[in-house]
C-alpha atoms as a PDB file:
ATOM      1  CA  MET A   1       3.619 -14.138  -5.659  1.00  0.00           C
ATOM      2  CA  ARG A   2       0.303 -12.593  -5.789  1.00  0.00           C
ATOM      3  CA  PHE A   3      -1.503  -9.676  -4.321  1.00  0.00           C
ATOM      4  CA  ALA A   4      -4.875  -8.146  -4.011  1.00  0.00           C
ATOM      5  CA  SER A   5      -6.725  -4.954  -2.576  1.00  0.00           C
ATOM      6  CA  LEU A   6      -9.361  -4.736  -0.007  1.00  0.00           C
ATOM      7  CA  GLY A   7     -10.037  -1.148  -0.880  1.00  0.00           C
ATOM      8  CA  SER A   8      -7.873   1.885  -1.434  1.00  0.00           C
ATOM      9  CA  GLY A   9      -8.843   5.525  -0.650  1.00  0.00           C
ATOM     10  CA  SER A  10      -9.431   7.845   2.134  1.00  0.00           C
ATOM     11  CA  GLU A  11     -12.195   6.012   3.654  1.00  0.00           C
ATOM     12  CA  GLY A  12      -9.702   2.616   4.210  1.00  0.00           C
ATOM     13  CA  ASN A  13      -6.774   0.816   3.037  1.00  0.00           C
ATOM     14  CA  GLY A  14      -5.937  -2.830   2.978  1.00  0.00           C
ATOM     15  CA  LEU A  15      -3.476  -5.099   0.650  1.00  0.00           C
ATOM     16  CA  ILE A  16      -2.712  -8.769   0.822  1.00  0.00           C
ATOM     17  CA  VAL A  17       0.482 -10.019  -0.487  1.00  0.00           C
ATOM     18  CA  GLU A  18       0.927 -13.839  -0.704  1.00  0.00           C
ATOM     19  CA  ALA A  19       3.695 -16.300  -1.561  1.00  0.00           C
ATOM     20  CA  GLY A  20       4.492 -19.912  -1.020  1.00  0.00           C
ATOM     21  CA  PRO A  21       3.701 -22.379   0.472  1.00  0.00           C
ATOM     22  CA  ASP A  22       7.248 -22.778   1.595  1.00  0.00           C
ATOM     23  CA  HIS A  23       8.991 -23.258   4.974  1.00  0.00           C
ATOM     24  CA  GLY A  24       7.470 -26.488   5.616  1.00  0.00           C
ATOM     25  CA  ARG A  25       3.872 -25.122   5.093  1.00  0.00           C
ATOM     26  CA  ASP A  26       1.224 -26.439   3.178  1.00  0.00           C
ATOM     27  CA  ARG A  27      -0.532 -23.225   2.687  1.00  0.00           C
ATOM     28  CA  PRO A  28       0.639 -19.707   1.606  1.00  0.00           C
ATOM     29  CA  TRP A  29       2.127 -17.164   3.424  1.00  0.00           C
ATOM     30  CA  ARG A  30      -0.016 -14.022   3.704  1.00  0.00           C
ATOM     31  CA  VAL A  31       0.882 -10.401   5.173  1.00  0.00           C
ATOM     32  CA  MET A  32      -1.732  -7.875   5.025  1.00  0.00           C
ATOM     33  CA  VAL A  33      -0.576  -3.959   4.737  1.00  0.00           C
ATOM     34  CA  ASP A  34      -2.681  -1.384   6.746  1.00  0.00           C
ATOM     35  CA  CYS A  35      -6.037  -2.093   7.550  1.00  0.00           C
ATOM     36  CA  GLY A  36      -8.042   1.206   7.612  1.00  0.00           C
ATOM     37  CA  PHE A  37     -11.455  -0.816   8.021  1.00  0.00           C
ATOM     38  CA  GLY A  38     -13.731  -1.358  10.833  1.00  0.00           C
ATOM     39  CA  LEU A  39     -13.319  -5.011  12.232  1.00  0.00           C
ATOM     40  CA  ARG A  40     -16.566  -6.536  10.495  1.00  0.00           C
ATOM     41  CA  ALA A  41     -15.700  -4.692   7.410  1.00  0.00           C
ATOM     42  CA  ALA A  42     -11.988  -5.912   7.231  1.00  0.00           C
ATOM     43  CA  GLU A  43     -13.379  -9.478   7.707  1.00  0.00           C
ATOM     44  CA  ALA A  44     -15.846  -9.339   5.185  1.00  0.00           C
ATOM     45  CA  ARG A  45     -13.568  -7.777   2.834  1.00  0.00           C
ATOM     46  CA  LEU A  46     -10.977 -10.598   3.473  1.00  0.00           C
ATOM     47  CA  LEU A  47     -13.733 -13.174   2.872  1.00  0.00           C
ATOM     48  CA  ARG A  48     -14.407 -11.663  -0.284  1.00  0.00           C
ATOM     49  CA  LEU A  49     -10.920 -12.482  -1.314  1.00  0.00           C
ATOM     50  CA  GLY A  50     -11.421 -16.156  -0.109  1.00  0.00           C
ATOM     51  CA  ILE A  51      -8.964 -15.452   2.923  1.00  0.00           C
ATOM     52  CA  GLU A  52      -9.945 -16.530   6.580  1.00  0.00           C
ATOM     53  CA  PRO A  53      -8.460 -13.428   8.690  1.00  0.00           C
ATOM     54  CA  ALA A  54      -6.915 -15.910  11.001  1.00  0.00           C
ATOM     55  CA  SER A  55      -4.908 -17.214   8.140  1.00  0.00           C
ATOM     56  CA  LEU A  56      -3.045 -14.140   8.167  1.00  0.00           C
ATOM     57  CA  ASP A  57       0.643 -14.237   9.396  1.00  0.00           C
ATOM     58  CA  ALA A  58       1.108 -10.548   9.849  1.00  0.00           C
ATOM     59  CA  ILE A  59      -0.065  -6.839   9.606  1.00  0.00           C
ATOM     60  CA  LEU A  60       2.454  -4.343   8.297  1.00  0.00           C
ATOM     61  CA  VAL A  61       1.620  -0.706   8.976  1.00  0.00           C
ATOM     62  CA  THR A  62       2.651   1.988   6.810  1.00  0.00           C
ATOM     63  CA  HIS A  63       1.621   4.954   9.304  1.00  0.00           C
ATOM     64  CA  GLU A  64      -0.874   6.130  12.017  1.00  0.00           C
ATOM     65  CA  HIS A  65      -3.656   7.742  10.052  1.00  0.00           C
ATOM     66  CA  GLY A  66      -6.824   6.366  10.351  1.00  0.00           C
ATOM     67  CA  ASP A  67      -7.525   5.061   6.924  1.00  0.00           C
ATOM     68  CA  HIS A  68      -4.464   2.809   7.382  1.00  0.00           C
ATOM     69  CA  LEU A  69      -4.423   1.865  11.051  1.00  0.00           C
ATOM     70  CA  GLY A  70      -7.654   2.402  12.034  1.00  0.00           C
ATOM     71  CA  GLY A  71      -8.903  -1.675  12.374  1.00  0.00           C
ATOM     72  CA  VAL A  72      -5.319  -2.883  12.879  1.00  0.00           C
ATOM     73  CA  PHE A  73      -5.181  -3.674  16.253  1.00  0.00           C
ATOM     74  CA  ALA A  74      -9.089  -4.936  16.619  1.00  0.00           C
ATOM     75  CA  LEU A  75      -8.147  -7.472  13.871  1.00  0.00           C
ATOM     76  CA  ALA A  76      -4.866  -8.538  15.342  1.00  0.00           C
ATOM     77  CA  ARG A  77      -6.366  -8.882  18.817  1.00  0.00           C
ATOM     78  CA  ARG A  78      -9.344 -10.868  17.493  1.00  0.00           C
ATOM     79  CA  HIS A  79      -7.434 -13.384  15.330  1.00  0.00           C
ATOM     80  CA  GLY A  80      -3.692 -13.443  17.129  1.00  0.00           C
ATOM     81  CA  LEU A  81      -2.024 -11.681  14.554  1.00  0.00           C
ATOM     82  CA  THR A  82       1.398 -10.020  14.955  1.00  0.00           C
ATOM     83  CA  VAL A  83       1.633  -6.264  13.937  1.00  0.00           C
ATOM     84  CA  TRP A  84       4.678  -4.558  12.167  1.00  0.00           C
ATOM     85  CA  ALA A  85       5.169  -0.856  12.744  1.00  0.00           C
ATOM     86  CA  SER A  86       7.811   1.539  13.132  1.00  0.00           C
ATOM     87  CA  HIS A  87       8.834   3.336  16.397  1.00  0.00           C
ATOM     88  CA  GLY A  88       7.197   6.453  15.451  1.00  0.00           C
ATOM     89  CA  THR A  89       4.064   5.138  14.034  1.00  0.00           C
ATOM     90  CA  LEU A  90       3.872   2.973  17.477  1.00  0.00           C
ATOM     91  CA  GLN A  91       4.528   6.032  19.479  1.00  0.00           C
ATOM     92  CA  ALA A  92       1.655   8.134  17.468  1.00  0.00           C
ATOM     93  CA  VAL A  93      -0.895   5.654  18.313  1.00  0.00           C
ATOM     94  CA  LEU A  94       0.573   4.963  22.065  1.00  0.00           C
ATOM     95  CA  ARG A  95       1.117   1.234  21.737  1.00  0.00           C
ATOM     96  CA  ASP A  96       0.276   0.457  25.694  1.00  0.00           C
ATOM     97  CA  ARG A  97      -3.443   0.925  24.567  1.00  0.00           C
ATOM     98  CA  PHE A  98      -3.263  -2.295  22.678  1.00  0.00           C
ATOM     99  CA  PRO A  99      -2.860  -5.090  25.344  1.00  0.00           C
ATOM    100  CA  ASN A 100      -2.485  -8.866  24.080  1.00  0.00           C
ATOM    101  CA  VAL A 101      -1.208  -7.854  20.444  1.00  0.00           C
ATOM    102  CA  VAL A 102       2.430  -8.874  19.487  1.00  0.00           C
ATOM    103  CA  VAL A 103       3.778  -5.834  18.114  1.00  0.00           C
ATOM    104  CA  ARG A 104       7.354  -5.783  16.622  1.00  0.00           C
ATOM    105  CA  VAL A 105       9.189  -2.756  15.476  1.00  0.00           C
ATOM    106  CA  CYS A 106      10.651  -2.111  12.163  1.00  0.00           C
ATOM    107  CA  SER A 107      12.728   0.721  10.713  1.00  0.00           C
ATOM    108  CA  GLY A 108      12.639   2.318   7.166  1.00  0.00           C
ATOM    109  CA  HIS A 109      15.919   0.810   6.593  1.00  0.00           C
ATOM    110  CA  MET A 110      15.517  -2.833   8.483  1.00  0.00           C
ATOM    111  CA  ARG A 111      14.772  -5.999   6.196  1.00  0.00           C
ATOM    112  CA  PHE A 112      12.881  -8.637   7.705  1.00  0.00           C
ATOM    113  CA  ALA A 113      10.981 -11.552   6.503  1.00  0.00           C
ATOM    114  CA  VAL A 114       7.812 -13.472   6.949  1.00  0.00           C
ATOM    115  CA  GLY A 115       7.962 -16.744   6.020  1.00  0.00           C
ATOM    116  CA  PRO A 116       9.654 -16.738   2.247  1.00  0.00           C
ATOM    117  CA  ILE A 117       8.354 -12.993   2.089  1.00  0.00           C
ATOM    118  CA  ALA A 118      11.239 -10.587   2.571  1.00  0.00           C
ATOM    119  CA  VAL A 119       9.870  -7.278   3.351  1.00  0.00           C
ATOM    120  CA  MET A 120      12.231  -4.043   2.455  1.00  0.00           C
ATOM    121  CA  PRO A 121      10.533  -1.035   4.256  1.00  0.00           C
ATOM    122  CA  PHE A 122      11.748   2.540   2.988  1.00  0.00           C
ATOM    123  CA  PRO A 123      11.090   5.703   4.361  1.00  0.00           C
ATOM    124  CA  VAL A 124       8.966   8.179   2.561  1.00  0.00           C
ATOM    125  CA  PRO A 125       7.906  11.917   2.823  1.00  0.00           C
ATOM    126  CA  HIS A 126       4.522  12.312   4.489  1.00  0.00           C
ATOM    127  CA  ASP A 127       2.797  14.198   7.263  1.00  0.00           C
ATOM    128  CA  ALA A 128       3.093  11.131   9.645  1.00  0.00           C
ATOM    129  CA  ARG A 129       5.581  10.196  12.532  1.00  0.00           C
ATOM    130  CA  GLU A 130       7.690   7.636  11.018  1.00  0.00           C
ATOM    131  CA  PRO A 131       5.669   6.770   7.532  1.00  0.00           C
ATOM    132  CA  THR A 132       7.185   3.998   5.740  1.00  0.00           C
ATOM    133  CA  GLN A 133       6.380   1.788   2.450  1.00  0.00           C
ATOM    134  CA  PHE A 134       7.247  -1.522   1.291  1.00  0.00           C
ATOM    135  CA  VAL A 135       8.946  -3.963  -1.435  1.00  0.00           C
ATOM    136  CA  PHE A 136       8.106  -7.470  -0.743  1.00  0.00           C
ATOM    137  CA  ASP A 137      10.437 -10.246  -2.502  1.00  0.00           C
ATOM    138  CA  ASP A 138       9.658 -14.050  -2.509  1.00  0.00           C
ATOM    139  CA  GLY A 139      13.066 -14.886  -4.302  1.00  0.00           C
ATOM    140  CA  VAL A 140      11.372 -14.875  -7.848  1.00  0.00           C
ATOM    141  CA  HIS A 141       9.063 -11.692  -8.036  1.00  0.00           C
ATOM    142  CA  ARG A 142       9.135  -8.204  -6.427  1.00  0.00           C
ATOM    143  CA  LEU A 143       6.189  -6.135  -5.353  1.00  0.00           C
ATOM    144  CA  GLY A 144       6.585  -2.464  -4.617  1.00  0.00           C
ATOM    145  CA  LEU A 145       4.273  -0.450  -2.730  1.00  0.00           C
ATOM    146  CA  LEU A 146       4.029   3.562  -2.772  1.00  0.00           C
ATOM    147  CA  THR A 147       0.967   5.267  -1.437  1.00  0.00           C
ATOM    148  CA  ASP A 148       0.636   8.415   0.970  1.00  0.00           C
ATOM    149  CA  THR A 149       3.711  10.154  -0.110  1.00  0.00           C
ATOM    150  CA  GLY A 150       4.315  13.524  -1.254  1.00  0.00           C
ATOM    151  CA  ARG A 151       7.000  13.432  -3.868  1.00  0.00           C
ATOM    152  CA  GLY A 152       9.601  11.166  -5.204  1.00  0.00           C
ATOM    153  CA  THR A 153      12.961  10.835  -3.751  1.00  0.00           C
ATOM    154  CA  ALA A 154      16.116   9.217  -5.065  1.00  0.00           C
ATOM    155  CA  HIS A 155      15.628   6.599  -2.319  1.00  0.00           C
ATOM    156  CA  ILE A 156      12.026   5.883  -3.539  1.00  0.00           C
ATOM    157  CA  ILE A 157      13.322   5.472  -6.912  1.00  0.00           C
ATOM    158  CA  ASP A 158      16.209   2.946  -6.128  1.00  0.00           C
ATOM    159  CA  SER A 159      13.745   1.044  -3.536  1.00  0.00           C
ATOM    160  CA  LEU A 160      11.023   0.683  -6.670  1.00  0.00           C
ATOM    161  CA  SER A 161      13.540   0.120  -9.613  1.00  0.00           C
ATOM    162  CA  GLY A 162      13.512  -3.341 -10.738  1.00  0.00           C
ATOM    163  CA  CYS A 163       9.967  -4.383  -9.392  1.00  0.00           C
ATOM    164  CA  ASP A 164       7.702  -7.084 -11.146  1.00  0.00           C
ATOM    165  CA  GLY A 165       4.530  -5.350  -9.974  1.00  0.00           C
ATOM    166  CA  LEU A 166       3.778  -1.871  -8.573  1.00  0.00           C
ATOM    167  CA  VAL A 167       0.862  -0.503  -6.259  1.00  0.00           C
ATOM    168  CA  MET A 168       1.170   3.350  -6.897  1.00  0.00           C
ATOM    169  CA  GLU A 169      -0.698   6.239  -5.677  1.00  0.00           C
ATOM    170  CA  CYS A 170      -2.552   8.554  -8.016  1.00  0.00           C
ATOM    171  CA  ASN A 171      -4.219  10.501  -5.327  1.00  0.00           C
ATOM    172  CA  HIS A 172      -5.505  13.521  -7.223  1.00  0.00           C
ATOM    173  CA  ASP A 173      -5.777  15.351 -10.683  1.00  0.00           C
ATOM    174  CA  PRO A 174      -4.196  18.842  -9.910  1.00  0.00           C
ATOM    175  CA  ALA A 175      -6.630  20.877 -11.489  1.00  0.00           C
ATOM    176  CA  MET A 176      -9.594  18.990  -9.801  1.00  0.00           C
ATOM    177  CA  LEU A 177      -8.177  19.395  -6.683  1.00  0.00           C
ATOM    178  CA  GLU A 178      -7.641  23.269  -7.238  1.00  0.00           C
ATOM    179  CA  ALA A 179     -11.419  23.676  -8.364  1.00  0.00           C
ATOM    180  CA  SER A 180     -12.593  21.516  -5.457  1.00  0.00           C
ATOM    181  CA  ASP A 181     -14.271  22.965  -2.778  1.00  0.00           C
ATOM    182  CA  TYR A 182     -11.839  21.739   0.135  1.00  0.00           C
ATOM    183  CA  PRO A 183     -10.565  24.350   2.366  1.00  0.00           C
ATOM    184  CA  TYR A 184      -7.226  26.006   1.128  1.00  0.00           C
ATOM    185  CA  PRO A 185      -5.181  24.741   3.803  1.00  0.00           C
ATOM    186  CA  LEU A 186      -6.315  21.134   3.136  1.00  0.00           C
ATOM    187  CA  LYS A 187      -5.592  21.625  -0.843  1.00  0.00           C
ATOM    188  CA  ARG A 188      -2.058  22.805   0.199  1.00  0.00           C
ATOM    189  CA  ARG A 189      -1.588  19.815   2.651  1.00  0.00           C
ATOM    190  CA  ILE A 190      -2.770  17.034   0.011  1.00  0.00           C
ATOM    191  CA  SER A 191      -0.440  18.704  -2.767  1.00  0.00           C
ATOM    192  CA  GLY A 192       2.489  19.596  -0.704  1.00  0.00           C
ATOM    193  CA  ASP A 193       5.583  17.714  -0.349  1.00  0.00           C
ATOM    194  CA  TYR A 194       4.516  15.810   2.784  1.00  0.00           C
ATOM    195  CA  GLY A 195       1.081  14.948   0.947  1.00  0.00           C
ATOM    196  CA  HIS A 196      -0.176  12.891  -1.498  1.00  0.00           C
ATOM    197  CA  LEU A 197       0.924  12.177  -4.977  1.00  0.00           C
ATOM    198  CA  SER A 198      -0.881  13.451  -7.926  1.00  0.00           C
ATOM    199  CA  ASN A 199      -1.173  11.513 -11.281  1.00  0.00           C
ATOM    200  CA  ASP A 200       1.594  13.528 -12.804  1.00  0.00           C
ATOM    201  CA  VAL A 201       4.153  13.115 -10.051  1.00  0.00           C
ATOM    202  CA  ALA A 202       3.312   9.549  -9.739  1.00  0.00           C
ATOM    203  CA  ALA A 203       3.800   9.146 -13.340  1.00  0.00           C
ATOM    204  CA  GLU A 204       7.226  11.104 -13.074  1.00  0.00           C
ATOM    205  CA  ILE A 205       8.417   8.521 -10.464  1.00  0.00           C
ATOM    206  CA  VAL A 206       7.400   5.673 -12.406  1.00  0.00           C
ATOM    207  CA  SER A 207       9.221   7.246 -15.623  1.00  0.00           C
ATOM    208  CA  ARG A 208      12.375   7.087 -13.429  1.00  0.00           C
ATOM    209  CA  LEU A 209      12.335   3.526 -12.428  1.00  0.00           C
ATOM    210  CA  ASP A 210      14.055   0.575 -13.916  1.00  0.00           C
ATOM    211  CA  ARG A 211      11.079  -0.878 -15.416  1.00  0.00           C
ATOM    212  CA  SER A 212      13.012  -3.827 -17.025  1.00  0.00           C
ATOM    213  CA  ARG A 213      10.924  -6.433 -15.271  1.00  0.00           C
ATOM    214  CA  LEU A 214       7.782  -4.342 -14.702  1.00  0.00           C
ATOM    215  CA  ARG A 215       4.352  -6.276 -15.903  1.00  0.00           C
ATOM    216  CA  ARG A 216       1.420  -5.125 -13.596  1.00  0.00           C
ATOM    217  CA  ILE A 217       1.192  -1.611 -12.397  1.00  0.00           C
ATOM    218  CA  VAL A 218      -2.116  -0.572  -9.876  1.00  0.00           C
ATOM    219  CA  ALA A 219      -3.324   2.892  -9.412  1.00  0.00           C
ATOM    220  CA  ALA A 220      -3.899   3.403  -5.912  1.00  0.00           C
ATOM    221  CA  HIS A 221      -5.677   5.601  -3.238  1.00  0.00           C
ATOM    222  CA  LEU A 222      -7.664   7.665  -5.739  1.00  0.00           C
ATOM    223  CA  SER A 223      -9.564  10.572  -4.459  1.00  0.00           C
ATOM    224  CA  ARG A 224     -13.307  10.114  -5.127  1.00  0.00           C
ATOM    225  CA  SER A 225     -13.762  13.970  -5.202  1.00  0.00           C
ATOM    226  CA  ASN A 226     -10.446  14.894  -7.256  1.00  0.00           C
ATOM    227  CA  ASN A 227      -9.652  11.952  -9.285  1.00  0.00           C
ATOM    228  CA  ARG A 228     -11.165   9.940 -12.086  1.00  0.00           C
ATOM    229  CA  PRO A 229      -9.631   6.370 -12.968  1.00  0.00           C
ATOM    230  CA  GLU A 230      -9.325   7.398 -16.518  1.00  0.00           C
ATOM    231  CA  LEU A 231      -7.016  10.145 -15.574  1.00  0.00           C
ATOM    232  CA  ALA A 232      -4.978   7.968 -13.372  1.00  0.00           C
ATOM    233  CA  ARG A 233      -4.805   5.380 -16.170  1.00  0.00           C
ATOM    234  CA  ALA A 234      -3.497   7.690 -18.952  1.00  0.00           C
ATOM    235  CA  ALA A 235      -1.028   9.316 -16.546  1.00  0.00           C
ATOM    236  CA  LEU A 236       0.609   5.846 -15.868  1.00  0.00           C
ATOM    237  CA  ALA A 237       0.314   4.445 -19.497  1.00  0.00           C
ATOM    238  CA  SER A 238       2.167   7.901 -20.472  1.00  0.00           C
ATOM    239  CA  ALA A 239       5.078   6.728 -18.206  1.00  0.00           C
ATOM    240  CA  THR A 240       5.132   3.319 -19.000  1.00  0.00           C
ATOM    241  CA  GLY A 241       4.089   3.329 -22.828  1.00  0.00           C
ATOM    242  CA  TRP A 242       1.589   0.656 -22.070  1.00  0.00           C
ATOM    243  CA  GLU A 243      -2.164   0.575 -23.327  1.00  0.00           C
ATOM    244  CA  GLN A 244      -4.238   2.333 -20.901  1.00  0.00           C
ATOM    245  CA  ALA A 245      -6.312  -1.044 -20.535  1.00  0.00           C
ATOM    246  CA  ARG A 246      -3.102  -2.528 -18.911  1.00  0.00           C
ATOM    247  CA  ILE A 247      -3.483  -0.220 -15.862  1.00  0.00           C
ATOM    248  CA  ASP A 248      -5.349  -1.646 -12.687  1.00  0.00           C
ATOM    249  CA  ILE A 249      -7.316   0.483 -10.465  1.00  0.00           C
ATOM    250  CA  ALA A 250      -7.680  -0.334  -6.625  1.00  0.00           C
ATOM    251  CA  ASP A 251     -11.106   0.893  -6.044  1.00  0.00           C
ATOM    252  CA  GLN A 252     -12.171   2.094  -2.542  1.00  0.00           C
ATOM    253  CA  ASP A 253     -15.517   0.118  -2.328  1.00  0.00           C
ATOM    254  CA  ALA A 254     -14.737  -3.137  -4.579  1.00  0.00           C
ATOM    255  CA  GLY A 255     -10.904  -3.198  -4.142  1.00  0.00           C
ATOM    256  CA  LEU A 256      -8.967  -5.220  -6.523  1.00  0.00           C
ATOM    257  CA  ASP A 257      -9.086  -9.102  -6.903  1.00  0.00           C
ATOM    258  CA  TRP A 258      -5.936 -11.282  -7.095  1.00  0.00           C
ATOM    259  CA  ILE A 259      -3.189 -10.297  -9.623  1.00  0.00           C
ATOM    260  CA  ASP A 260      -0.213 -13.391 -10.016  1.00  0.00           C
ATOM    261  CA  LEU A 261       3.079 -11.782 -10.638  1.00  0.00           C
ATOM    262  CA  SER A 262       3.965 -15.286 -12.084  1.00  0.00           C
ATOM    263  CA  ARG A 263       1.499 -14.917 -15.006  1.00  0.00           C
ATOM    264  CA  PRO A 264       1.824 -12.508 -17.827  1.00  0.00           C
END
């Protein structure tokens, strides 16, 4: 299994997970999680990773906010892709406004598969209709994704334990957010239980996981205004006991190149 980021942050998100080939195919199976970019930008970012958009097997949607869903249906319609999302997410975006797109409903407790990739959604606290995050399993390696979450829960800890790789939201540094010129209600939303993870809360979640198999961790969804990569790295390094250089960053503009979980 390997994964890469098209970009991560409040201006757009997209993650690619690839496994196989398997199930009688001579090319890998690929799922995209979210598409918060316009159609042309999404296609360009996919091609930058060496992926033809039509080679995707599905798009999974975490929730309905524009930086995650904005380009999903345009990309799916153009390239004939299946979209998976929760019932609440689809209701929030009025699914009947998107004809000619195959849509499948998943819940935060329903495991499903895309080829050899087993997908295990789990619910998270965020200010959306029915938000989910995902764990991916190809039978050998497990990748956990956690962004757009206000706090850790016992179920999140259980879902992410035992992963080989993690993509973990480190949205903000609390002191930087508090000192920012953001309006007070926005500060409270971001830092609240249904907002976004701070570096410290992300680190606390990681510290509680079973990390016996963990070999790669990526800090994601960093705020341009209220965080810095070195702060996110320091927080996750403290939770894992790793050198900071081992912590990868999913950048808003550059994304993150392929990480292969089969390699040390």
